Amino acid sequence: MAETEALPKLREDFKMQNKSVFILGASGETGRVLLKEILEQGLFSRVTVIGRRKLTFDEEAYKNVNQKVVDFEKLDDYAAAFQGHDVGFCCLGTTRKKAGALAVHQTTGPCLHIFMNGLDVMCPEEGFVRVDRDYVLKSAELAKAGGCKHFNLLSSKGADKSSNFLYLQVKGEVEDKVEELKFDRYSIFRPGVLLCDREESRPSEWLVRKFFGSLPQSWASGHSVPVVTVVRAMLNNAVRPSDKKKELLDNKAIHDLGNVDGSLKP
């Protein structure tokens, strides 16, 4: 596959551009893995994490990570945190523990996806909408105003603003509203159930992995995806030149692109 063969060169060419990047949601599982992969690959000259609290990193590799602490309820006061970034990754989302009230109103599929993302806030229905739509959209607006050219949004399989399920409806709404901001490049990732691989997994996450692990590979891969595969798809996609204003990668496309190169290192 020509694309596979070209990836190492694409990465090197990308590094030469000395681009800067910010990550929203680095305290969640996807954002955490994304930050780790970005640092290991050395794709960006400057890496900034934007969140509501300062994160603690012990490894030497994280010493040059910039951290911007913001109040998501007053984001306009923190516009400077979003300035000067070429690429942005938004992995904001709510956790199972904090989204319990919402879970009652959702079907199993969307609920499982909700449970695997992380922003540690109180999250009944109005809280969920505030985080997954309002915080995301306001962050995207500030990123656009700050000069971000390529905005990457972690959404969900089945996202649709006309859905009867609040979770999928909100995801679809924010996808459309971010598109209206007209980034030079806008990439949407719609994974199925995110499979985490923490050293200390929540019991629910362990059950999810066991469930999908017992299913035929073809079915499981159609409805779920490991977090690390999503992250690799995001980065492999970012280094590929594209003349498309909008890209939408569904669960299959994420699997395909995220598994192009298992090590993700040239």
C-alpha atoms as a PDB file:
ATOM      1  CA  MET A   1       0.000   0.000   0.000  1.00  0.00           C
ATOM      2  CA  ALA A   2       1.619   3.258  -1.158  1.00  0.00           C
ATOM      3  CA  GLU A   3       0.141   5.191   1.730  1.00  0.00           C
ATOM      4  CA  THR A   4       1.777   2.843   4.238  1.00  0.00           C
ATOM      5  CA  GLU A   5       5.157   3.173   2.577  1.00  0.00           C
ATOM      6  CA  ALA A   6       4.863   6.960   2.574  1.00  0.00           C
ATOM      7  CA  LEU A   7       4.050   7.382   6.271  1.00  0.00           C
ATOM      8  CA  PRO A   8       7.649   7.585   7.562  1.00  0.00           C
ATOM      9  CA  LYS A   9       8.456  10.295   5.037  1.00  0.00           C
ATOM     10  CA  LEU A  10       5.193  12.096   5.779  1.00  0.00           C
ATOM     11  CA  ARG A  11       6.095  12.168   9.453  1.00  0.00           C
ATOM     12  CA  GLU A  12       9.549  13.551   8.750  1.00  0.00           C
ATOM     13  CA  ASP A  13       8.154  16.195   6.406  1.00  0.00           C
ATOM     14  CA  PHE A  14       5.577  17.129   9.041  1.00  0.00           C
ATOM     15  CA  LYS A  15       8.230  17.515  11.740  1.00  0.00           C
ATOM     16  CA  MET A  16      10.183  19.890   9.516  1.00  0.00           C
ATOM     17  CA  GLN A  17       7.231  22.296   9.541  1.00  0.00           C
ATOM     18  CA  ASN A  18       7.724  22.988  13.275  1.00  0.00           C
ATOM     19  CA  LYS A  19       4.028  23.066  14.024  1.00  0.00           C
ATOM     20  CA  SER A  20       2.482  23.618  17.433  1.00  0.00           C
ATOM     21  CA  VAL A  21      -0.401  21.640  18.898  1.00  0.00           C
ATOM     22  CA  PHE A  22      -2.859  21.831  21.772  1.00  0.00           C
ATOM     23  CA  ILE A  23      -4.835  19.033  23.403  1.00  0.00           C
ATOM     24  CA  LEU A  24      -8.144  19.455  25.201  1.00  0.00           C
ATOM     25  CA  GLY A  25      -9.074  16.607  27.522  1.00  0.00           C
ATOM     26  CA  ALA A  26      -5.585  15.287  28.283  1.00  0.00           C
ATOM     27  CA  SER A  27      -6.754  14.049  31.693  1.00  0.00           C
ATOM     28  CA  GLY A  28      -9.087  11.575  29.995  1.00  0.00           C
ATOM     29  CA  GLU A  29      -7.956   8.242  28.617  1.00  0.00           C
ATOM     30  CA  THR A  30      -7.893   9.226  24.941  1.00  0.00           C
ATOM     31  CA  GLY A  31      -6.221  12.567  25.596  1.00  0.00           C
ATOM     32  CA  ARG A  32      -3.651  10.954  27.859  1.00  0.00           C
ATOM     33  CA  VAL A  33      -2.672   8.372  25.262  1.00  0.00           C
ATOM     34  CA  LEU A  34      -2.679  11.035  22.540  1.00  0.00           C
ATOM     35  CA  LEU A  35      -0.256  13.204  24.496  1.00  0.00           C
ATOM     36  CA  LYS A  36       2.031  10.229  25.089  1.00  0.00           C
ATOM     37  CA  GLU A  37       2.094   9.309  21.393  1.00  0.00           C
ATOM     38  CA  ILE A  38       2.672  12.913  20.306  1.00  0.00           C
ATOM     39  CA  LEU A  39       5.693  13.177  22.578  1.00  0.00           C
ATOM     40  CA  GLU A  40       7.082   9.808  21.513  1.00  0.00           C
ATOM     41  CA  GLN A  41       6.804  10.686  17.848  1.00  0.00           C
ATOM     42  CA  GLY A  42       8.109  14.231  18.268  1.00  0.00           C
ATOM     43  CA  LEU A  43       5.794  15.525  15.567  1.00  0.00           C
ATOM     44  CA  PHE A  44       5.329  19.010  17.013  1.00  0.00           C
ATOM     45  CA  SER A  45       7.793  21.686  18.080  1.00  0.00           C
ATOM     46  CA  ARG A  46       5.494  22.884  20.858  1.00  0.00           C
ATOM     47  CA  VAL A  47       2.888  20.887  22.783  1.00  0.00           C
ATOM     48  CA  THR A  48       0.273  22.521  25.001  1.00  0.00           C
ATOM     49  CA  VAL A  49      -2.302  20.896  27.239  1.00  0.00           C
ATOM     50  CA  ILE A  50      -5.382  22.973  28.032  1.00  0.00           C
ATOM     51  CA  GLY A  51      -7.467  21.866  31.004  1.00  0.00           C
ATOM     52  CA  ARG A  52      -9.189  22.855  34.214  1.00  0.00           C
ATOM     53  CA  ARG A  53      -6.321  21.692  36.416  1.00  0.00           C
ATOM     54  CA  LYS A  54      -2.602  21.193  36.149  1.00  0.00           C
ATOM     55  CA  LEU A  55      -1.578  17.608  35.481  1.00  0.00           C
ATOM     56  CA  THR A  56       1.346  15.895  37.179  1.00  0.00           C
ATOM     57  CA  PHE A  57       3.895  14.191  34.950  1.00  0.00           C
ATOM     58  CA  ASP A  58       6.833  12.231  36.335  1.00  0.00           C
ATOM     59  CA  GLU A  59       8.499  11.159  33.105  1.00  0.00           C
ATOM     60  CA  GLU A  60      11.312  13.256  31.619  1.00  0.00           C
ATOM     61  CA  ALA A  61       9.562  13.218  28.227  1.00  0.00           C
ATOM     62  CA  TYR A  62       6.872  15.540  29.574  1.00  0.00           C
ATOM     63  CA  LYS A  63       9.196  18.256  30.865  1.00  0.00           C
ATOM     64  CA  ASN A  64       8.586  20.595  27.915  1.00  0.00           C
ATOM     65  CA  VAL A  65       4.803  20.210  27.827  1.00  0.00           C
ATOM     66  CA  ASN A  66       3.119  23.577  28.313  1.00  0.00           C
ATOM     67  CA  GLN A  67       0.070  23.574  30.542  1.00  0.00           C
ATOM     68  CA  LYS A  68      -2.675  26.168  30.446  1.00  0.00           C
ATOM     69  CA  VAL A  69      -5.201  25.999  33.278  1.00  0.00           C
ATOM     70  CA  VAL A  70      -8.587  27.463  32.348  1.00  0.00           C
ATOM     71  CA  ASP A  71     -12.078  27.822  33.757  1.00  0.00           C
ATOM     72  CA  PHE A  72     -14.371  26.282  31.159  1.00  0.00           C
ATOM     73  CA  GLU A  73     -17.244  28.367  32.496  1.00  0.00           C
ATOM     74  CA  LYS A  74     -15.325  31.547  31.632  1.00  0.00           C
ATOM     75  CA  LEU A  75     -13.346  30.540  28.566  1.00  0.00           C
ATOM     76  CA  ASP A  76     -13.407  34.009  27.042  1.00  0.00           C
ATOM     77  CA  ASP A  77     -11.113  35.091  29.866  1.00  0.00           C
ATOM     78  CA  TYR A  78      -8.571  32.511  28.722  1.00  0.00           C
ATOM     79  CA  ALA A  79      -8.473  33.232  24.999  1.00  0.00           C
ATOM     80  CA  ALA A  80      -4.682  33.563  25.165  1.00  0.00           C
ATOM     81  CA  ALA A  81      -4.397  29.826  25.940  1.00  0.00           C
ATOM     82  CA  PHE A  82      -5.796  29.072  22.485  1.00  0.00           C
ATOM     83  CA  GLN A  83      -3.552  31.404  20.518  1.00  0.00           C
ATOM     84  CA  GLY A  84      -0.676  30.384  18.288  1.00  0.00           C
ATOM     85  CA  HIS A  85      -1.475  26.713  17.693  1.00  0.00           C
ATOM     86  CA  ASP A  86      -1.441  25.181  14.219  1.00  0.00           C
ATOM     87  CA  VAL A  87      -3.250  21.980  15.168  1.00  0.00           C
ATOM     88  CA  GLY A  88      -5.812  21.235  17.862  1.00  0.00           C
ATOM     89  CA  PHE A  89      -7.155  17.953  19.233  1.00  0.00           C
ATOM     90  CA  CYS A  90     -10.378  18.017  21.229  1.00  0.00           C
ATOM     91  CA  CYS A  91     -10.926  14.921  23.369  1.00  0.00           C
ATOM     92  CA  LEU A  92     -13.304  16.455  25.884  1.00  0.00           C
ATOM     93  CA  GLY A  93     -16.000  14.125  27.130  1.00  0.00           C
ATOM     94  CA  THR A  94     -17.770  12.926  30.251  1.00  0.00           C
ATOM     95  CA  THR A  95     -17.011   9.872  32.368  1.00  0.00           C
ATOM     96  CA  ARG A  96     -19.275   7.052  33.437  1.00  0.00           C
ATOM     97  CA  LYS A  97     -19.076   8.010  37.083  1.00  0.00           C
ATOM     98  CA  LYS A  98     -20.074  11.602  36.441  1.00  0.00           C
ATOM     99  CA  ALA A  99     -22.595  10.847  33.712  1.00  0.00           C
ATOM    100  CA  GLY A 100     -24.668   8.383  35.684  1.00  0.00           C
ATOM    101  CA  ALA A 101     -27.860  10.412  35.534  1.00  0.00           C
ATOM    102  CA  LEU A 102     -27.629  10.615  31.774  1.00  0.00           C
ATOM    103  CA  ALA A 103     -26.978   6.894  31.398  1.00  0.00           C
ATOM    104  CA  VAL A 104     -30.514   6.073  32.471  1.00  0.00           C
ATOM    105  CA  HIS A 105     -31.810   7.801  29.361  1.00  0.00           C
ATOM    106  CA  GLN A 106     -29.473   6.173  26.844  1.00  0.00           C
ATOM    107  CA  THR A 107     -29.218   2.798  25.171  1.00  0.00           C
ATOM    108  CA  THR A 108     -26.316   0.510  26.012  1.00  0.00           C
ATOM    109  CA  GLY A 109     -24.155   1.452  23.018  1.00  0.00           C
ATOM    110  CA  PRO A 110     -24.003   5.213  23.555  1.00  0.00           C
ATOM    111  CA  CYS A 111     -23.722   4.779  27.302  1.00  0.00           C
ATOM    112  CA  LEU A 112     -20.659   2.599  26.967  1.00  0.00           C
ATOM    113  CA  HIS A 113     -19.045   5.237  24.812  1.00  0.00           C
ATOM    114  CA  ILE A 114     -19.866   7.960  27.303  1.00  0.00           C
ATOM    115  CA  PHE A 115     -18.293   5.951  30.048  1.00  0.00           C
ATOM    116  CA  MET A 116     -14.944   5.669  28.282  1.00  0.00           C
ATOM    117  CA  ASN A 117     -14.249   9.400  27.848  1.00  0.00           C
ATOM    118  CA  GLY A 118     -13.156  11.711  30.594  1.00  0.00           C
ATOM    119  CA  LEU A 119     -13.687  15.177  31.948  1.00  0.00           C
ATOM    120  CA  ASP A 120     -14.152  15.080  35.693  1.00  0.00           C
ATOM    121  CA  VAL A 121     -17.215  17.249  36.258  1.00  0.00           C
ATOM    122  CA  MET A 122     -20.705  16.868  37.640  1.00  0.00           C
ATOM    123  CA  CYS A 123     -22.785  15.557  34.789  1.00  0.00           C
ATOM    124  CA  PRO A 124     -26.523  15.188  34.852  1.00  0.00           C
ATOM    125  CA  GLU A 125     -28.141  15.931  31.486  1.00  0.00           C
ATOM    126  CA  GLU A 126     -27.501  19.666  31.557  1.00  0.00           C
ATOM    127  CA  GLY A 127     -23.920  19.071  32.665  1.00  0.00           C
ATOM    128  CA  PHE A 128     -23.348  16.633  29.833  1.00  0.00           C
ATOM    129  CA  VAL A 129     -24.616  19.151  27.279  1.00  0.00           C
ATOM    130  CA  ARG A 130     -22.452  21.846  28.831  1.00  0.00           C
ATOM    131  CA  VAL A 131     -19.289  19.771  28.557  1.00  0.00           C
ATOM    132  CA  ASP A 132     -19.767  17.853  25.332  1.00  0.00           C
ATOM    133  CA  ARG A 133     -21.338  20.689  23.356  1.00  0.00           C
ATOM    134  CA  ASP A 134     -20.834  24.092  24.962  1.00  0.00           C
ATOM    135  CA  TYR A 135     -17.260  23.643  26.199  1.00  0.00           C
ATOM    136  CA  VAL A 136     -16.228  21.987  22.955  1.00  0.00           C
ATOM    137  CA  LEU A 137     -17.801  24.616  20.741  1.00  0.00           C
ATOM    138  CA  LYS A 138     -16.438  27.561  22.720  1.00  0.00           C
ATOM    139  CA  SER A 139     -12.979  26.008  22.696  1.00  0.00           C
ATOM    140  CA  ALA A 140     -13.195  25.546  18.939  1.00  0.00           C
ATOM    141  CA  GLU A 141     -14.270  29.170  18.491  1.00  0.00           C
ATOM    142  CA  LEU A 142     -11.289  30.418  20.496  1.00  0.00           C
ATOM    143  CA  ALA A 143      -8.939  28.063  18.655  1.00  0.00           C
ATOM    144  CA  LYS A 144     -10.153  29.368  15.321  1.00  0.00           C
ATOM    145  CA  ALA A 145      -9.727  32.966  16.459  1.00  0.00           C
ATOM    146  CA  GLY A 146      -6.283  32.076  17.776  1.00  0.00           C
ATOM    147  CA  GLY A 147      -5.064  30.864  14.393  1.00  0.00           C
ATOM    148  CA  CYS A 148      -5.614  27.098  14.529  1.00  0.00           C
ATOM    149  CA  LYS A 149      -5.653  25.654  11.009  1.00  0.00           C
ATOM    150  CA  HIS A 150      -6.464  21.979  11.623  1.00  0.00           C
ATOM    151  CA  PHE A 151      -9.059  21.093  14.256  1.00  0.00           C
ATOM    152  CA  ASN A 152      -9.564  17.439  15.221  1.00  0.00           C
ATOM    153  CA  LEU A 153     -12.740  16.433  17.053  1.00  0.00           C
ATOM    154  CA  LEU A 154     -13.299  13.168  18.887  1.00  0.00           C
ATOM    155  CA  SER A 155     -16.988  12.446  18.397  1.00  0.00           C
ATOM    156  CA  SER A 156     -18.921   9.160  18.431  1.00  0.00           C
ATOM    157  CA  LYS A 157     -20.244   6.478  16.157  1.00  0.00           C
ATOM    158  CA  GLY A 158     -23.863   7.284  15.358  1.00  0.00           C
ATOM    159  CA  ALA A 159     -23.532  11.029  16.013  1.00  0.00           C
ATOM    160  CA  ASP A 160     -26.592  12.690  14.501  1.00  0.00           C
ATOM    161  CA  LYS A 161     -28.245  15.953  15.504  1.00  0.00           C
ATOM    162  CA  SER A 162     -31.641  14.464  14.631  1.00  0.00           C
ATOM    163  CA  SER A 163     -31.144  11.410  16.865  1.00  0.00           C
ATOM    164  CA  ASN A 164     -33.710  10.635  19.575  1.00  0.00           C
ATOM    165  CA  PHE A 165     -30.860   9.881  21.978  1.00  0.00           C
ATOM    166  CA  LEU A 166     -29.460  12.956  23.702  1.00  0.00           C
ATOM    167  CA  TYR A 167     -25.887  11.697  23.599  1.00  0.00           C
ATOM    168  CA  LEU A 168     -25.827  11.134  19.836  1.00  0.00           C
ATOM    169  CA  GLN A 169     -27.886  14.269  19.231  1.00  0.00           C
ATOM    170  CA  VAL A 170     -25.420  16.474  21.109  1.00  0.00           C
ATOM    171  CA  LYS A 171     -22.456  14.892  19.361  1.00  0.00           C
ATOM    172  CA  GLY A 172     -24.079  15.554  15.992  1.00  0.00           C
ATOM    173  CA  GLU A 173     -24.934  19.123  16.933  1.00  0.00           C
ATOM    174  CA  VAL A 174     -21.410  20.009  17.954  1.00  0.00           C
ATOM    175  CA  GLU A 175     -19.976  18.424  14.811  1.00  0.00           C
ATOM    176  CA  ASP A 176     -22.125  20.711  12.668  1.00  0.00           C
ATOM    177  CA  LYS A 177     -21.502  23.829  14.742  1.00  0.00           C
ATOM    178  CA  VAL A 178     -17.727  23.362  14.635  1.00  0.00           C
ATOM    179  CA  GLU A 179     -17.926  22.926  10.866  1.00  0.00           C
ATOM    180  CA  GLU A 180     -19.560  26.349  10.635  1.00  0.00           C
ATOM    181  CA  LEU A 181     -16.355  27.885  12.010  1.00  0.00           C
ATOM    182  CA  LYS A 182     -14.668  26.987   8.717  1.00  0.00           C
ATOM    183  CA  PHE A 183     -11.281  25.718   9.828  1.00  0.00           C
ATOM    184  CA  ASP A 184      -8.811  25.214   6.985  1.00  0.00           C
ATOM    185  CA  ARG A 185      -9.052  21.514   7.839  1.00  0.00           C
ATOM    186  CA  TYR A 186     -11.585  19.843  10.091  1.00  0.00           C
ATOM    187  CA  SER A 187     -11.271  16.152  10.983  1.00  0.00           C
ATOM    188  CA  ILE A 188     -14.039  14.290  12.818  1.00  0.00           C
ATOM    189  CA  PHE A 189     -13.407  10.888  14.380  1.00  0.00           C
ATOM    190  CA  ARG A 190     -16.433   8.713  15.118  1.00  0.00           C
ATOM    191  CA  PRO A 191     -15.227   5.662  17.044  1.00  0.00           C
ATOM    192  CA  GLY A 192     -17.461   2.990  18.468  1.00  0.00           C
ATOM    193  CA  VAL A 193     -17.061   1.903  22.078  1.00  0.00           C
ATOM    194  CA  LEU A 194     -13.621   3.021  23.241  1.00  0.00           C
ATOM    195  CA  LEU A 195     -11.672   0.171  24.796  1.00  0.00           C
ATOM    196  CA  CYS A 196      -9.269   1.415  27.451  1.00  0.00           C
ATOM    197  CA  ASP A 197      -6.296  -0.536  28.706  1.00  0.00           C
ATOM    198  CA  ARG A 198      -5.481   1.074  32.027  1.00  0.00           C
ATOM    199  CA  GLU A 199      -3.325  -0.590  34.630  1.00  0.00           C
ATOM    200  CA  GLU A 200      -6.114   0.146  37.088  1.00  0.00           C
ATOM    201  CA  SER A 201      -9.321  -0.283  35.114  1.00  0.00           C
ATOM    202  CA  ARG A 202     -12.748   0.505  36.420  1.00  0.00           C
ATOM    203  CA  PRO A 203     -14.825  -2.695  36.809  1.00  0.00           C
ATOM    204  CA  SER A 204     -17.147  -1.484  34.041  1.00  0.00           C
ATOM    205  CA  GLU A 205     -14.253  -1.009  31.627  1.00  0.00           C
ATOM    206  CA  TRP A 206     -12.944  -4.491  32.407  1.00  0.00           C
ATOM    207  CA  LEU A 207     -16.371  -5.937  31.654  1.00  0.00           C
ATOM    208  CA  VAL A 208     -16.572  -4.014  28.378  1.00  0.00           C
ATOM    209  CA  ARG A 209     -13.195  -5.361  27.249  1.00  0.00           C
ATOM    210  CA  LYS A 210     -14.173  -8.897  28.240  1.00  0.00           C
ATOM    211  CA  PHE A 211     -17.475  -8.584  26.378  1.00  0.00           C
ATOM    212  CA  PHE A 212     -15.983  -7.363  23.116  1.00  0.00           C
ATOM    213  CA  GLY A 213     -13.047  -9.739  23.484  1.00  0.00           C
ATOM    214  CA  SER A 214     -15.456 -12.683  23.448  1.00  0.00           C
ATOM    215  CA  LEU A 215     -17.116 -11.592  20.194  1.00  0.00           C
ATOM    216  CA  PRO A 216     -16.065 -12.466  16.639  1.00  0.00           C
ATOM    217  CA  GLN A 217     -13.314 -10.085  15.533  1.00  0.00           C
ATOM    218  CA  SER A 218     -15.307  -8.744  12.595  1.00  0.00           C
ATOM    219  CA  TRP A 219     -18.257  -7.803  14.803  1.00  0.00           C
ATOM    220  CA  ALA A 220     -16.164  -6.411  17.642  1.00  0.00           C
ATOM    221  CA  SER A 221     -14.069  -4.233  15.326  1.00  0.00           C
ATOM    222  CA  GLY A 222     -17.229  -2.861  13.776  1.00  0.00           C
ATOM    223  CA  HIS A 223     -18.581  -1.613  17.091  1.00  0.00           C
ATOM    224  CA  SER A 224     -15.519  -0.949  19.232  1.00  0.00           C
ATOM    225  CA  VAL A 225     -11.941   0.250  18.941  1.00  0.00           C
ATOM    226  CA  PRO A 226      -8.936   0.447  21.294  1.00  0.00           C
ATOM    227  CA  VAL A 227      -8.087   3.976  22.414  1.00  0.00           C
ATOM    228  CA  VAL A 228      -4.537   3.607  21.125  1.00  0.00           C
ATOM    229  CA  THR A 229      -5.871   2.795  17.645  1.00  0.00           C
ATOM    230  CA  VAL A 230      -7.957   5.980  17.670  1.00  0.00           C
ATOM    231  CA  VAL A 231      -4.925   8.018  18.697  1.00  0.00           C
ATOM    232  CA  ARG A 232      -2.744   6.490  15.998  1.00  0.00           C
ATOM    233  CA  ALA A 233      -5.417   7.167  13.401  1.00  0.00           C
ATOM    234  CA  MET A 234      -5.578  10.784  14.527  1.00  0.00           C
ATOM    235  CA  LEU A 235      -1.838  11.277  14.182  1.00  0.00           C
ATOM    236  CA  ASN A 236      -1.458   9.319  10.954  1.00  0.00           C
ATOM    237  CA  ASN A 237      -4.222  11.446   9.513  1.00  0.00           C
ATOM    238  CA  ALA A 238      -2.674  14.691  10.771  1.00  0.00           C
ATOM    239  CA  VAL A 239       0.616  14.132   8.956  1.00  0.00           C
ATOM    240  CA  ARG A 240      -1.116  13.372   5.658  1.00  0.00           C
ATOM    241  CA  PRO A 241      -1.536  16.418   3.415  1.00  0.00           C
ATOM    242  CA  SER A 242      -5.178  16.956   2.509  1.00  0.00           C
ATOM    243  CA  ASP A 243      -7.084  19.455   0.410  1.00  0.00           C
ATOM    244  CA  LYS A 244     -10.372  18.494   2.070  1.00  0.00           C
ATOM    245  CA  LYS A 245     -11.973  21.072   4.311  1.00  0.00           C
ATOM    246  CA  LYS A 246     -13.801  18.338   6.233  1.00  0.00           C
ATOM    247  CA  GLU A 247     -12.893  14.705   6.893  1.00  0.00           C
ATOM    248  CA  LEU A 248     -15.139  12.216   8.640  1.00  0.00           C
ATOM    249  CA  LEU A 249     -13.529   8.981   9.800  1.00  0.00           C
ATOM    250  CA  ASP A 250     -15.916   6.287  10.975  1.00  0.00           C
ATOM    251  CA  ASN A 251     -14.994   3.303  13.134  1.00  0.00           C
ATOM    252  CA  LYS A 252     -13.755   1.219  10.181  1.00  0.00           C
ATOM    253  CA  ALA A 253     -11.639   4.055   8.808  1.00  0.00           C
ATOM    254  CA  ILE A 254     -10.164   4.565  12.282  1.00  0.00           C
ATOM    255  CA  HIS A 255      -9.237   0.876  12.482  1.00  0.00           C
ATOM    256  CA  ASP A 256      -7.695   0.956   9.012  1.00  0.00           C
ATOM    257  CA  LEU A 257      -5.654   4.109   9.508  1.00  0.00           C
ATOM    258  CA  GLY A 258      -4.739   3.388  13.099  1.00  0.00           C
ATOM    259  CA  ASN A 259      -3.321  -0.016  12.221  1.00  0.00           C
ATOM    260  CA  VAL A 260      -1.320   1.049   9.179  1.00  0.00           C
ATOM    261  CA  ASP A 261       1.862   0.972  11.257  1.00  0.00           C
ATOM    262  CA  GLY A 262       1.751  -0.759  14.592  1.00  0.00           C
ATOM    263  CA  SER A 263       4.723   1.098  16.084  1.00  0.00           C
ATOM    264  CA  LEU A 264       3.914   4.471  14.566  1.00  0.00           C
ATOM    265  CA  LYS A 265       7.634   5.171  14.467  1.00  0.00           C
ATOM    266  CA  PRO A 266       9.614   5.700  11.257  1.00  0.00           C
END
